[in-house]
Amino acid sequence: MLHPSYHDLIEAVNSGVEPGEEPVVQSRYSIVIAAAKRARQLIAGEEPLTENAGKKPLSVAVDELYHQKVKIVSEDDTADDAAE
């Protein structure tokens, strides 16, 4: 059994979304992609944002998502930031 579950992760990531707004994450696929990208950042040498010494990068990434230490931004937001 996975802990936290996909459902718990989606709820945690979308907890800051106000009623009527589109959720940040709408599928398991989005969670998997976000966790994989963060795990690659950790492998490349970025410091973990939670205290998970000794855990594998993917476990750390999932924990960071669950505890809202990292923010998932859409590709549209990234393109807007790059244009500015």
N, C-alpha and C. Protein backbone atom coordinates (compact mmCIF):
# COMPACT_ATOMS: atom_id res chain seq x y z
N MET A 1 0.84 -1.18 0.00
CA MET A 1 0.00 0.00 0.00
C MET A 1 0.88 1.25 0.00
N LEU A 2 0.50 2.20 -0.81
CA LEU A 2 1.25 3.45 -0.89
C LEU A 2 0.79 4.41 0.18
N HIS A 3 1.75 5.07 0.79
CA HIS A 3 1.40 6.12 1.74
C HIS A 3 2.25 7.33 1.45
N PRO A 4 1.73 8.47 1.24
CA PRO A 4 0.30 8.75 1.14
C PRO A 4 -0.27 8.24 -0.18
N SER A 5 -1.57 8.04 -0.21
CA SER A 5 -2.21 7.54 -1.42
C SER A 5 -2.28 8.65 -2.47
N TYR A 6 -2.57 8.26 -3.71
CA TYR A 6 -2.73 9.26 -4.76
C TYR A 6 -3.81 10.27 -4.38
N HIS A 7 -4.89 9.76 -3.83
CA HIS A 7 -6.00 10.63 -3.44
C HIS A 7 -5.55 11.65 -2.39
N ASP A 8 -4.80 11.19 -1.40
CA ASP A 8 -4.29 12.09 -0.35
C ASP A 8 -3.34 13.14 -0.94
N LEU A 9 -2.48 12.71 -1.87
CA LEU A 9 -1.55 13.65 -2.51
C LEU A 9 -2.29 14.71 -3.31
N ILE A 10 -3.29 14.28 -4.08
CA ILE A 10 -4.06 15.23 -4.88
C ILE A 10 -4.76 16.23 -3.99
N GLU A 11 -5.35 15.76 -2.88
CA GLU A 11 -6.00 16.67 -1.94
C GLU A 11 -5.01 17.64 -1.33
N ALA A 12 -3.83 17.17 -0.96
CA ALA A 12 -2.82 18.04 -0.34
C ALA A 12 -2.34 19.11 -1.32
N VAL A 13 -2.07 18.71 -2.55
CA VAL A 13 -1.58 19.66 -3.54
C VAL A 13 -2.64 20.69 -3.88
N ASN A 14 -3.90 20.27 -3.93
CA ASN A 14 -4.99 21.18 -4.30
C ASN A 14 -5.60 21.91 -3.10
N SER A 15 -5.04 21.75 -1.92
CA SER A 15 -5.65 22.34 -0.72
C SER A 15 -5.67 23.87 -0.75
N GLY A 16 -4.76 24.49 -1.46
CA GLY A 16 -4.71 25.94 -1.52
C GLY A 16 -5.61 26.55 -2.59
N VAL A 17 -6.29 25.73 -3.35
CA VAL A 17 -7.14 26.21 -4.43
C VAL A 17 -8.48 26.64 -3.86
N GLU A 18 -8.89 27.83 -4.23
CA GLU A 18 -10.16 28.35 -3.73
C GLU A 18 -11.32 27.76 -4.52
N PRO A 19 -12.51 27.68 -3.90
CA PRO A 19 -13.67 27.14 -4.60
C PRO A 19 -13.93 27.91 -5.89
N GLY A 20 -14.20 27.17 -6.95
CA GLY A 20 -14.46 27.78 -8.24
C GLY A 20 -13.24 27.83 -9.14
N GLU A 21 -12.04 27.75 -8.56
CA GLU A 21 -10.81 27.74 -9.35
C GLU A 21 -10.53 26.33 -9.84
N GLU A 22 -9.76 26.24 -10.92
CA GLU A 22 -9.38 24.93 -11.44
C GLU A 22 -8.30 24.32 -10.55
N PRO A 23 -8.45 23.05 -10.17
CA PRO A 23 -7.43 22.41 -9.34
C PRO A 23 -6.08 22.38 -10.03
N VAL A 24 -5.01 22.43 -9.25
CA VAL A 24 -3.65 22.38 -9.79
C VAL A 24 -3.41 21.02 -10.41
N VAL A 25 -3.82 19.97 -9.71
CA VAL A 25 -3.61 18.59 -10.16
C VAL A 25 -4.97 17.91 -10.26
N GLN A 26 -5.20 17.25 -11.39
CA GLN A 26 -6.48 16.61 -11.59
C GLN A 26 -6.37 15.10 -11.81
N SER A 27 -5.15 14.58 -11.90
CA SER A 27 -5.01 13.16 -12.19
C SER A 27 -3.77 12.57 -11.53
N ARG A 28 -3.74 11.25 -11.47
CA ARG A 28 -2.58 10.55 -10.94
C ARG A 28 -1.35 10.83 -11.80
N TYR A 29 -1.57 10.91 -13.10
CA TYR A 29 -0.47 11.17 -14.03
C TYR A 29 0.26 12.46 -13.65
N SER A 30 -0.49 13.50 -13.32
CA SER A 30 0.12 14.78 -12.95
C SER A 30 0.97 14.64 -11.69
N ILE A 31 0.49 13.88 -10.73
CA ILE A 31 1.25 13.65 -9.49
C ILE A 31 2.53 12.90 -9.80
N VAL A 32 2.45 11.88 -10.64
CA VAL A 32 3.62 11.07 -10.99
C VAL A 32 4.67 11.94 -11.68
N ILE A 33 4.23 12.77 -12.63
CA ILE A 33 5.16 13.63 -13.35
C ILE A 33 5.83 14.62 -12.40
N ALA A 34 5.04 15.24 -11.52
CA ALA A 34 5.59 16.22 -10.57
C ALA A 34 6.60 15.56 -9.62
N ALA A 35 6.26 14.38 -9.11
CA ALA A 35 7.18 13.68 -8.20
C ALA A 35 8.46 13.27 -8.93
N ALA A 36 8.34 12.82 -10.16
CA ALA A 36 9.53 12.42 -10.93
C ALA A 36 10.44 13.62 -11.20
N LYS A 37 9.86 14.76 -11.56
CA LYS A 37 10.67 15.95 -11.81
C LYS A 37 11.40 16.38 -10.55
N ARG A 38 10.70 16.36 -9.41
CA ARG A 38 11.35 16.76 -8.16
C ARG A 38 12.43 15.76 -7.76
N ALA A 39 12.18 14.47 -7.98
CA ALA A 39 13.18 13.45 -7.66
C ALA A 39 14.44 13.66 -8.50
N ARG A 40 14.27 14.03 -9.78
CA ARG A 40 15.44 14.30 -10.62
C ARG A 40 16.22 15.50 -10.12
N GLN A 41 15.51 16.51 -9.61
CA GLN A 41 16.19 17.67 -9.03
C GLN A 41 17.01 17.26 -7.82
N LEU A 42 16.44 16.39 -6.99
CA LEU A 42 17.15 15.92 -5.80
C LEU A 42 18.39 15.11 -6.19
N ILE A 43 18.25 14.26 -7.21
CA ILE A 43 19.38 13.46 -7.69
C ILE A 43 20.48 14.37 -8.21
N ALA A 44 20.08 15.49 -8.83
CA ALA A 44 21.06 16.43 -9.40
C ALA A 44 21.77 17.25 -8.32
N GLY A 45 21.33 17.13 -7.07
CA GLY A 45 22.05 17.79 -6.00
C GLY A 45 21.29 18.83 -5.20
N GLU A 46 20.04 19.07 -5.52
CA GLU A 46 19.28 20.03 -4.72
C GLU A 46 19.03 19.48 -3.33
N GLU A 47 18.94 20.38 -2.38
CA GLU A 47 18.73 19.98 -0.99
C GLU A 47 17.26 19.60 -0.75
N PRO A 48 17.02 18.53 -0.01
CA PRO A 48 15.64 18.17 0.34
C PRO A 48 15.02 19.24 1.25
N LEU A 49 13.73 19.44 1.11
CA LEU A 49 13.03 20.44 1.91
C LEU A 49 12.35 19.85 3.13
N THR A 50 12.46 18.54 3.30
CA THR A 50 11.96 17.87 4.49
C THR A 50 13.10 17.03 5.07
N GLU A 51 12.94 16.62 6.30
CA GLU A 51 13.99 15.83 6.95
C GLU A 51 13.74 14.35 6.69
N ASN A 52 14.34 13.86 5.63
CA ASN A 52 14.19 12.47 5.24
C ASN A 52 15.55 11.85 4.94
N ALA A 53 16.48 12.03 5.82
CA ALA A 53 17.83 11.53 5.59
C ALA A 53 17.81 10.03 5.34
N GLY A 54 18.48 9.62 4.28
CA GLY A 54 18.58 8.21 3.99
C GLY A 54 17.50 7.65 3.10
N LYS A 55 16.45 8.43 2.84
CA LYS A 55 15.38 7.93 1.98
C LYS A 55 15.75 8.15 0.52
N LYS A 56 15.12 7.39 -0.34
CA LYS A 56 15.36 7.51 -1.77
C LYS A 56 14.75 8.80 -2.29
N PRO A 57 15.32 9.36 -3.38
CA PRO A 57 14.85 10.65 -3.90
C PRO A 57 13.35 10.69 -4.22
N LEU A 58 12.80 9.61 -4.75
CA LEU A 58 11.37 9.62 -5.07
C LEU A 58 10.52 9.68 -3.81
N SER A 59 10.94 8.99 -2.77
CA SER A 59 10.20 9.03 -1.50
C SER A 59 10.26 10.43 -0.90
N VAL A 60 11.40 11.07 -1.00
CA VAL A 60 11.55 12.44 -0.50
C VAL A 60 10.65 13.38 -1.31
N ALA A 61 10.63 13.21 -2.63
CA ALA A 61 9.81 14.05 -3.49
C ALA A 61 8.33 13.92 -3.15
N VAL A 62 7.87 12.70 -2.94
CA VAL A 62 6.46 12.49 -2.59
C VAL A 62 6.16 13.12 -1.24
N ASP A 63 7.08 12.98 -0.29
CA ASP A 63 6.88 13.58 1.02
C ASP A 63 6.82 15.11 0.93
N GLU A 64 7.67 15.69 0.10
CA GLU A 64 7.66 17.14 -0.08
C GLU A 64 6.34 17.60 -0.71
N LEU A 65 5.83 16.86 -1.67
CA LEU A 65 4.54 17.21 -2.27
C LEU A 65 3.43 17.11 -1.24
N TYR A 66 3.44 16.05 -0.46
CA TYR A 66 2.39 15.83 0.54
C TYR A 66 2.39 16.92 1.61
N HIS A 67 3.56 17.34 2.02
CA HIS A 67 3.67 18.38 3.05
C HIS A 67 3.72 19.79 2.47
N GLN A 68 3.47 19.91 1.19
CA GLN A 68 3.38 21.18 0.48
C GLN A 68 4.64 22.03 0.60
N LYS A 69 5.78 21.37 0.54
CA LYS A 69 7.08 22.06 0.58
C LYS A 69 7.50 22.53 -0.81
N VAL A 70 6.94 21.89 -1.84
CA VAL A 70 7.18 22.31 -3.22
C VAL A 70 5.83 22.61 -3.86
N LYS A 71 5.85 23.49 -4.84
CA LYS A 71 4.62 23.91 -5.50
C LYS A 71 4.64 23.42 -6.94
N ILE A 72 3.53 22.87 -7.38
CA ILE A 72 3.40 22.44 -8.76
C ILE A 72 2.82 23.61 -9.55
N VAL A 73 3.53 23.99 -10.60
CA VAL A 73 3.04 25.06 -11.47
C VAL A 73 2.78 24.46 -12.85
N SER A 74 1.78 24.99 -13.51
CA SER A 74 1.44 24.49 -14.83
C SER A 74 2.47 25.00 -15.85
N GLU A 75 2.50 24.36 -16.99
CA GLU A 75 3.43 24.79 -18.04
C GLU A 75 3.07 26.19 -18.52
N ASP A 76 1.78 26.55 -18.47
CA ASP A 76 1.35 27.89 -18.85
C ASP A 76 1.97 28.94 -17.94
N ASP A 77 1.99 28.67 -16.62
CA ASP A 77 2.58 29.60 -15.66
C ASP A 77 4.08 29.73 -15.89
N THR A 78 4.74 28.62 -16.22
CA THR A 78 6.17 28.65 -16.48
C THR A 78 6.47 29.48 -17.72
N ALA A 79 5.65 29.34 -18.75
CA ALA A 79 5.84 30.12 -19.99
C ALA A 79 5.60 31.60 -19.74
N ASP A 80 4.61 31.91 -18.90
CA ASP A 80 4.33 33.31 -18.56
C ASP A 80 5.52 33.93 -17.81
N ASP A 81 6.11 33.17 -16.88
CA ASP A 81 7.26 33.68 -16.11
C ASP A 81 8.46 33.90 -17.03
N ALA A 82 8.66 33.01 -17.99
CA ALA A 82 9.79 33.13 -18.90
C ALA A 82 9.62 34.32 -19.84
N ALA A 83 8.39 34.65 -20.19
CA ALA A 83 8.12 35.77 -21.10
C ALA A 83 8.37 37.10 -20.43
N GLU A 84 8.24 37.18 -19.12
CA GLU A 84 8.42 38.42 -18.39
C GLU A 84 9.85 38.72 -18.25
